[in-house]
Protein backbone atom coordinates (compact mmCIF):
# COMPACT_ATOMS: atom_id res chain seq x y z
CA UNK A 1 139.33 132.14 66.00
CA UNK A 2 142.32 132.05 68.03
CA UNK A 3 143.64 129.35 69.79
CA UNK A 4 142.66 129.01 73.44
CA UNK A 5 145.93 127.39 74.53
CA UNK A 6 147.82 129.79 72.79
CA UNK A 7 150.43 131.54 74.75
CA UNK A 8 153.09 134.10 74.77
CA UNK A 9 156.79 133.46 73.49
CA UNK A 10 158.98 133.14 76.04
CA UNK A 11 157.02 130.82 78.01
CA UNK A 12 158.36 127.22 77.70
CA UNK A 13 156.85 124.28 79.04
CA UNK A 14 153.40 123.74 80.02
CA UNK A 15 150.62 126.17 81.53
CA UNK A 16 151.16 127.30 85.05
CA UNK A 17 147.21 125.59 85.37
CA UNK A 18 148.50 122.46 84.38
CA UNK A 19 152.15 122.94 86.57
CA UNK A 20 150.76 123.61 89.93
CA UNK A 21 147.70 123.23 92.07
CA UNK A 22 145.70 125.98 93.41
CA UNK A 23 144.40 126.98 96.41
CA UNK A 24 140.94 127.60 95.47
CA UNK A 25 137.78 129.03 96.98
CA UNK A 26 134.51 128.54 95.57
CA UNK A 27 131.26 130.65 97.00
CA UNK A 28 127.64 130.63 95.51
CA UNK A 29 128.73 133.13 92.69
CA UNK A 30 132.83 132.89 92.63
CA UNK A 31 135.05 130.63 91.84
CA UNK A 32 139.10 132.02 93.21
CA UNK A 33 141.87 129.97 92.42
CA UNK A 34 145.30 131.16 93.40
CA UNK A 35 148.60 129.87 91.71
CA UNK A 36 151.37 131.39 94.10
CA UNK A 37 154.28 129.92 92.09
CA UNK A 38 152.81 131.43 89.06
CA UNK A 39 151.63 134.40 90.77
CA UNK A 40 148.25 134.29 89.45
CA UNK A 41 144.74 135.01 90.73
CA UNK A 42 141.68 133.58 88.53
CA UNK A 43 138.56 135.17 89.63
CA UNK A 44 135.59 133.47 87.82
CA UNK A 45 132.05 133.63 87.93
CA UNK A 46 130.86 130.45 88.93
CA UNK A 47 127.41 128.76 88.37
CA UNK A 48 125.59 125.18 88.47
CA UNK A 49 125.55 123.63 85.30
CA UNK A 50 121.87 122.67 84.75
CA UNK A 51 122.25 119.40 83.52
CA UNK A 52 124.59 117.49 85.99
CA UNK A 53 124.27 120.48 89.00
CA UNK A 54 127.54 120.49 89.10
CA UNK A 55 129.46 123.68 89.62
CA UNK A 56 131.01 125.36 87.28
CA UNK A 57 133.27 128.32 86.33
CA UNK A 58 131.95 131.01 83.77
CA UNK A 59 134.06 134.06 82.35
CA UNK A 60 137.87 134.23 84.15
CA UNK A 61 140.07 136.88 84.72
CA UNK A 62 143.58 136.27 86.03
CA UNK A 63 145.22 138.78 87.99
CA UNK A 64 148.84 138.99 87.45
CA UNK A 65 151.36 139.54 90.47
CA UNK A 66 154.00 141.20 87.74
CA UNK A 67 151.58 143.33 86.40
CA UNK A 68 150.16 144.58 89.81
CA UNK A 69 154.27 145.46 90.75
CA UNK A 70 154.62 147.05 87.95
CA UNK A 71 151.41 149.41 88.02
CA UNK A 72 151.26 150.37 92.06
CA UNK A 73 147.86 152.17 90.93
CA UNK A 74 145.84 149.35 90.23
CA UNK A 75 147.56 147.12 93.17
CA UNK A 76 146.50 150.27 95.59
CA UNK A 77 142.82 149.94 94.07
CA UNK A 78 142.63 146.24 94.77
CA UNK A 79 144.02 146.79 98.14
CA UNK A 80 141.53 149.20 99.05
CA UNK A 81 138.66 147.92 97.47
CA UNK A 82 139.58 144.59 99.94
CA UNK A 83 139.99 146.33 103.21
CA UNK A 84 136.63 148.43 102.74
CA UNK A 85 134.73 145.07 101.56
CA UNK A 86 136.36 143.21 104.72
CA UNK A 87 135.93 145.69 107.08
């Protein structure tokens, strides 16, 4: 099984989530964490721990600013969805 703390070569130092405090928003079903310096937006399923009642993160996907900049069709789709949902 791969090491969950493994990172790509070429990224020295601590991982971005240890270097930067995110702007966070929790809903009943989502946890969003934005790391502006790192250019990352984490989108996670949110749930309540059955034992403690504490809100926790489940499966998480990280959107990367650099990747979206390199693939305008992905950025445009994301912008379209947010526009449609917000209006």
